[in-house]
Amino acid sequence: MKSRLVRIAKIGEPFGIKGGIKIWPFFDLINTLKKGQKIYLSWGDTLLVRKELSLDSIREHNKGYVVYFNEITTRDEAEKIRGNWLLMEEEDLPKLPEGQFYSYQVIGLSVYEVSGEYLGKVKGILETGSNDVYIVEGEEEVYIPAIKDVVIEVNLVEGKIIVKRMEEY
C-alpha cells in the first residue's frame, strides 16, 4: 500500500534547452534526493498525479534549485508543467534530524499552553529566515515562534504541540 503523497516543491520556469526546471522546494534537504528517485507531477493545484517522473539530477541555482527528469528533455516539455507541484510518497521523504518536522506534519496540530490551556490549531507557517513562526487559529490568531524556548514538545502521535508563552509572541 502506498503512503500518502506530500507536496515537495512548486515548479517554476524552464531552465536552459534540455528540460531543466526551476523549482522552489518546501524543505531544506531537497538536494539529498538521489538519481532515479520517483517523484510525481501533480495535476494542477491538487494532489492528483498527472505523471510519474524519475529524477536525473538536482542542483542549487541562485535561491532555488534546478532539476532534470528523464522524462522531460526539452524546454517546451518543461514549459508545459510550469505552476504544478512535485509530489513524493511520505515514506520516501528524507529523514529529518531529531526535533525537526515537515510543514505538513505541523499544520493542523492542536496547540496547548504548558498549563493545559487550548490555544487553537496550527493553520499555517511563516518562514522568517531565522526561524519558522506557527500561525495558530483559536479564539484569536496567535503567532508562535518555532524555537526551543517556546515550543516545549511536538507530539505527532497525539496531534499536539505544547508551548510556553513568552511575554508577547
C-alpha atoms as a PDB file:
ATOM      1  CA  MET A   1       0.000   0.000   0.000  1.00  0.00           C
ATOM      2  CA  LYS A   2       1.352   3.416  -0.935  1.00  0.00           C
ATOM      3  CA  SER A   3       1.770   6.122   1.672  1.00  0.00           C
ATOM      4  CA  ARG A   4       0.155   9.471   1.157  1.00  0.00           C
ATOM      5  CA  LEU A   5       1.546  11.971  -1.313  1.00  0.00           C
ATOM      6  CA  VAL A   6       3.186  15.135   0.004  1.00  0.00           C
ATOM      7  CA  ARG A   7       3.990  18.327  -1.893  1.00  0.00           C
ATOM      8  CA  ILE A   8       7.743  18.816  -2.001  1.00  0.00           C
ATOM      9  CA  ALA A   9       8.182  21.727  -4.429  1.00  0.00           C
ATOM     10  CA  LYS A  10       6.463  24.241  -6.692  1.00  0.00           C
ATOM     11  CA  ILE A  11       7.512  24.125 -10.332  1.00  0.00           C
ATOM     12  CA  GLY A  12       8.802  27.349 -11.829  1.00  0.00           C
ATOM     13  CA  GLU A  13      10.030  28.306 -15.268  1.00  0.00           C
ATOM     14  CA  PRO A  14      12.172  26.190 -17.594  1.00  0.00           C
ATOM     15  CA  PHE A  15      15.947  26.425 -17.325  1.00  0.00           C
ATOM     16  CA  GLY A  16      18.044  26.018 -20.457  1.00  0.00           C
ATOM     17  CA  ILE A  17      17.080  23.991 -23.523  1.00  0.00           C
ATOM     18  CA  LYS A  18      17.480  20.417 -22.218  1.00  0.00           C
ATOM     19  CA  GLY A  19      14.391  20.208 -19.989  1.00  0.00           C
ATOM     20  CA  GLY A  20      15.770  21.810 -16.835  1.00  0.00           C
ATOM     21  CA  ILE A  21      13.141  23.190 -14.472  1.00  0.00           C
ATOM     22  CA  LYS A  22      13.486  25.736 -11.678  1.00  0.00           C
ATOM     23  CA  ILE A  23      11.743  24.611  -8.503  1.00  0.00           C
ATOM     24  CA  TRP A  24      11.008  26.174  -5.125  1.00  0.00           C
ATOM     25  CA  PRO A  25      11.256  23.372  -2.521  1.00  0.00           C
ATOM     26  CA  PHE A  26       9.362  23.127   0.757  1.00  0.00           C
ATOM     27  CA  PHE A  27      12.212  21.563   2.718  1.00  0.00           C
ATOM     28  CA  ASP A  28      15.954  22.089   3.017  1.00  0.00           C
ATOM     29  CA  LEU A  29      17.010  18.516   2.237  1.00  0.00           C
ATOM     30  CA  ILE A  30      15.702  18.569  -1.345  1.00  0.00           C
ATOM     31  CA  ASN A  31      19.260  18.268  -2.667  1.00  0.00           C
ATOM     32  CA  THR A  32      19.657  14.909  -0.902  1.00  0.00           C
ATOM     33  CA  LEU A  33      17.270  13.237  -3.352  1.00  0.00           C
ATOM     34  CA  LYS A  34      19.005  10.613  -5.449  1.00  0.00           C
ATOM     35  CA  LYS A  35      19.187   9.907  -9.165  1.00  0.00           C
ATOM     36  CA  GLY A  36      16.319   7.607 -10.125  1.00  0.00           C
ATOM     37  CA  GLN A  37      14.132   8.816  -7.229  1.00  0.00           C
ATOM     38  CA  LYS A  38      10.404   8.532  -8.039  1.00  0.00           C
ATOM     39  CA  ILE A  39       8.721  11.917  -7.973  1.00  0.00           C
ATOM     40  CA  TYR A  40       5.212  12.649  -9.120  1.00  0.00           C
ATOM     41  CA  LEU A  41       3.902  15.574 -11.127  1.00  0.00           C
ATOM     42  CA  SER A  42       0.613  16.953  -9.807  1.00  0.00           C
ATOM     43  CA  TRP A  43      -2.445  17.652 -11.874  1.00  0.00           C
ATOM     44  CA  GLY A  44      -2.639  21.433 -11.399  1.00  0.00           C
ATOM     45  CA  ASP A  45      -3.037  22.609  -7.824  1.00  0.00           C
ATOM     46  CA  THR A  46      -4.082  19.192  -6.473  1.00  0.00           C
ATOM     47  CA  LEU A  47      -2.538  16.052  -5.043  1.00  0.00           C
ATOM     48  CA  LEU A  48      -3.767  14.099  -8.057  1.00  0.00           C
ATOM     49  CA  VAL A  49      -0.922  12.531 -10.030  1.00  0.00           C
ATOM     50  CA  ARG A  50      -0.556  13.517 -13.654  1.00  0.00           C
ATOM     51  CA  LYS A  51       2.674  11.648 -14.306  1.00  0.00           C
ATOM     52  CA  GLU A  52       5.415   9.660 -12.569  1.00  0.00           C
ATOM     53  CA  LEU A  53       8.894  11.114 -13.073  1.00  0.00           C
ATOM     54  CA  SER A  54      12.380   9.745 -12.478  1.00  0.00           C
ATOM     55  CA  LEU A  55      14.932  12.227 -11.112  1.00  0.00           C
ATOM     56  CA  ASP A  56      18.051  12.618 -13.241  1.00  0.00           C
ATOM     57  CA  SER A  57      19.771  15.397 -11.266  1.00  0.00           C
ATOM     58  CA  ILE A  58      19.221  18.327  -8.937  1.00  0.00           C
ATOM     59  CA  ARG A  59      21.435  21.297  -8.117  1.00  0.00           C
ATOM     60  CA  GLU A  60      21.267  24.635  -6.349  1.00  0.00           C
ATOM     61  CA  HIS A  61      20.763  27.702  -8.518  1.00  0.00           C
ATOM     62  CA  ASN A  62      20.503  31.201  -7.037  1.00  0.00           C
ATOM     63  CA  LYS A  63      17.839  30.966  -4.290  1.00  0.00           C
ATOM     64  CA  GLY A  64      16.189  27.829  -5.647  1.00  0.00           C
ATOM     65  CA  TYR A  65      17.087  24.615  -7.420  1.00  0.00           C
ATOM     66  CA  VAL A  66      17.168  23.265 -10.951  1.00  0.00           C
ATOM     67  CA  VAL A  67      16.005  19.704 -11.574  1.00  0.00           C
ATOM     68  CA  TYR A  68      16.202  17.416 -14.567  1.00  0.00           C
ATOM     69  CA  PHE A  69      13.911  14.437 -15.092  1.00  0.00           C
ATOM     70  CA  ASN A  70      14.494  11.572 -17.509  1.00  0.00           C
ATOM     71  CA  GLU A  71      11.007  12.074 -18.984  1.00  0.00           C
ATOM     72  CA  ILE A  72      11.381  15.822 -19.677  1.00  0.00           C
ATOM     73  CA  THR A  73      14.112  16.575 -22.193  1.00  0.00           C
ATOM     74  CA  THR A  74      13.126  19.826 -23.931  1.00  0.00           C
ATOM     75  CA  ARG A  75      12.346  23.375 -22.904  1.00  0.00           C
ATOM     76  CA  ASP A  76       8.842  23.039 -24.400  1.00  0.00           C
ATOM     77  CA  GLU A  77       8.085  19.984 -22.228  1.00  0.00           C
ATOM     78  CA  ALA A  78       9.363  21.853 -19.162  1.00  0.00           C
ATOM     79  CA  GLU A  79       7.206  24.885 -20.005  1.00  0.00           C
ATOM     80  CA  LYS A  80       4.054  22.727 -20.107  1.00  0.00           C
ATOM     81  CA  ILE A  81       4.359  21.755 -16.433  1.00  0.00           C
ATOM     82  CA  ARG A  82       5.119  25.221 -15.024  1.00  0.00           C
ATOM     83  CA  GLY A  83       2.997  26.062 -11.979  1.00  0.00           C
ATOM     84  CA  ASN A  84       2.309  22.466 -10.984  1.00  0.00           C
ATOM     85  CA  TRP A  85       3.649  20.729  -7.888  1.00  0.00           C
ATOM     86  CA  LEU A  86       6.148  17.954  -7.365  1.00  0.00           C
ATOM     87  CA  LEU A  87       4.949  15.227  -5.014  1.00  0.00           C
ATOM     88  CA  MET A  88       6.597  12.341  -3.191  1.00  0.00           C
ATOM     89  CA  GLU A  89       5.323   9.451  -1.168  1.00  0.00           C
ATOM     90  CA  GLU A  90       5.608  10.305   2.512  1.00  0.00           C
ATOM     91  CA  GLU A  91       7.692   7.194   3.232  1.00  0.00           C
ATOM     92  CA  ASP A  92      10.295   8.275   0.629  1.00  0.00           C
ATOM     93  CA  LEU A  93      10.923  11.724   2.137  1.00  0.00           C
ATOM     94  CA  PRO A  94      14.410  12.244   3.562  1.00  0.00           C
ATOM     95  CA  LYS A  95      14.557  11.627   7.309  1.00  0.00           C
ATOM     96  CA  LEU A  96      14.840  14.877   9.245  1.00  0.00           C
ATOM     97  CA  PRO A  97      17.109  15.375  12.248  1.00  0.00           C
ATOM     98  CA  GLU A  98      15.571  14.885  15.688  1.00  0.00           C
ATOM     99  CA  GLY A  99      13.268  17.778  16.606  1.00  0.00           C
ATOM    100  CA  GLN A 100      12.638  18.895  13.012  1.00  0.00           C
ATOM    101  CA  PHE A 101       9.365  18.366  11.195  1.00  0.00           C
ATOM    102  CA  TYR A 102       7.935  18.831   7.742  1.00  0.00           C
ATOM    103  CA  SER A 103       5.354  21.625   7.450  1.00  0.00           C
ATOM    104  CA  TYR A 104       2.582  19.195   6.504  1.00  0.00           C
ATOM    105  CA  GLN A 105       3.160  17.352   9.802  1.00  0.00           C
ATOM    106  CA  VAL A 106       2.716  20.506  11.904  1.00  0.00           C
ATOM    107  CA  ILE A 107      -0.227  22.151  10.136  1.00  0.00           C
ATOM    108  CA  GLY A 108      -3.444  21.054  11.809  1.00  0.00           C
ATOM    109  CA  LEU A 109      -1.893  20.143  15.166  1.00  0.00           C
ATOM    110  CA  SER A 110      -3.636  21.391  18.327  1.00  0.00           C
ATOM    111  CA  VAL A 111      -1.592  23.847  20.380  1.00  0.00           C
ATOM    112  CA  TYR A 112      -1.689  23.954  24.188  1.00  0.00           C
ATOM    113  CA  GLU A 113      -0.006  26.170  26.751  1.00  0.00           C
ATOM    114  CA  VAL A 114       2.020  24.187  29.356  1.00  0.00           C
ATOM    115  CA  SER A 115      -0.800  24.967  31.819  1.00  0.00           C
ATOM    116  CA  GLY A 116      -3.165  22.966  29.587  1.00  0.00           C
ATOM    117  CA  GLU A 117      -4.944  25.983  28.069  1.00  0.00           C
ATOM    118  CA  TYR A 118      -6.013  25.281  24.496  1.00  0.00           C
ATOM    119  CA  LEU A 119      -4.783  27.980  22.098  1.00  0.00           C
ATOM    120  CA  GLY A 120      -6.051  26.612  18.765  1.00  0.00           C
ATOM    121  CA  LYS A 121      -4.761  24.744  15.730  1.00  0.00           C
ATOM    122  CA  VAL A 122      -1.764  25.489  13.521  1.00  0.00           C
ATOM    123  CA  LYS A 123      -3.258  26.848  10.289  1.00  0.00           C
ATOM    124  CA  GLY A 124      -0.030  27.927   8.612  1.00  0.00           C
ATOM    125  CA  ILE A 125       3.686  28.506   8.967  1.00  0.00           C
ATOM    126  CA  LEU A 126       5.603  31.695   8.230  1.00  0.00           C
ATOM    127  CA  GLU A 127       9.215  31.210   7.181  1.00  0.00           C
ATOM    128  CA  THR A 128      11.124  34.198   8.509  1.00  0.00           C
ATOM    129  CA  GLY A 129      14.653  33.100   7.669  1.00  0.00           C
ATOM    130  CA  SER A 130      15.865  32.791  11.242  1.00  0.00           C
ATOM    131  CA  ASN A 131      13.061  30.513  12.456  1.00  0.00           C
ATOM    132  CA  ASP A 132       9.574  29.441  11.468  1.00  0.00           C
ATOM    133  CA  VAL A 133       6.531  31.004  13.106  1.00  0.00           C
ATOM    134  CA  TYR A 134       3.391  28.929  13.658  1.00  0.00           C
ATOM    135  CA  ILE A 135       0.129  30.713  12.898  1.00  0.00           C
ATOM    136  CA  VAL A 136      -2.344  29.379  15.444  1.00  0.00           C
ATOM    137  CA  GLU A 137      -6.049  29.989  14.958  1.00  0.00           C
ATOM    138  CA  GLY A 138      -8.217  29.811  18.058  1.00  0.00           C
ATOM    139  CA  GLU A 139     -10.338  32.420  19.818  1.00  0.00           C
ATOM    140  CA  GLU A 140      -7.797  34.826  18.397  1.00  0.00           C
ATOM    141  CA  GLU A 141      -4.928  34.368  15.958  1.00  0.00           C
ATOM    142  CA  VAL A 142      -1.600  33.840  17.718  1.00  0.00           C
ATOM    143  CA  TYR A 143       1.891  33.763  16.222  1.00  0.00           C
ATOM    144  CA  ILE A 144       4.243  31.365  17.955  1.00  0.00           C
ATOM    145  CA  PRO A 145       7.968  31.322  17.145  1.00  0.00           C
ATOM    146  CA  ALA A 146       9.127  27.761  16.493  1.00  0.00           C
ATOM    147  CA  ILE A 147      12.119  27.956  18.804  1.00  0.00           C
ATOM    148  CA  LYS A 148      13.073  25.570  21.605  1.00  0.00           C
ATOM    149  CA  ASP A 149      12.500  28.192  24.337  1.00  0.00           C
ATOM    150  CA  VAL A 150       8.836  28.414  23.278  1.00  0.00           C
ATOM    151  CA  VAL A 151       7.926  25.074  21.704  1.00  0.00           C
ATOM    152  CA  ILE A 152       8.346  22.565  24.508  1.00  0.00           C
ATOM    153  CA  GLU A 153       7.033  19.476  22.695  1.00  0.00           C
ATOM    154  CA  VAL A 154       5.704  18.439  19.296  1.00  0.00           C
ATOM    155  CA  ASN A 155       3.828  15.153  19.598  1.00  0.00           C
ATOM    156  CA  LEU A 156       2.776  13.885  16.170  1.00  0.00           C
ATOM    157  CA  VAL A 157       1.194  10.730  17.615  1.00  0.00           C
ATOM    158  CA  GLU A 158      -1.146  12.700  19.894  1.00  0.00           C
ATOM    159  CA  GLY A 159      -1.509  15.534  17.362  1.00  0.00           C
ATOM    160  CA  LYS A 160      -0.478  18.328  19.679  1.00  0.00           C
ATOM    161  CA  ILE A 161       2.138  20.948  20.405  1.00  0.00           C
ATOM    162  CA  ILE A 162       2.937  22.188  23.918  1.00  0.00           C
ATOM    163  CA  VAL A 163       4.226  25.760  24.165  1.00  0.00           C
ATOM    164  CA  LYS A 164       5.461  28.057  26.898  1.00  0.00           C
ATOM    165  CA  ARG A 165       4.121  31.563  26.462  1.00  0.00           C
ATOM    166  CA  MET A 166       6.571  34.390  26.249  1.00  0.00           C
ATOM    167  CA  GLU A 167       5.684  37.948  27.260  1.00  0.00           C
ATOM    168  CA  GLU A 168       4.481  38.524  23.712  1.00  0.00           C
ATOM    169  CA  TYR A 169       4.510  36.386  20.577  1.00  0.00           C
END
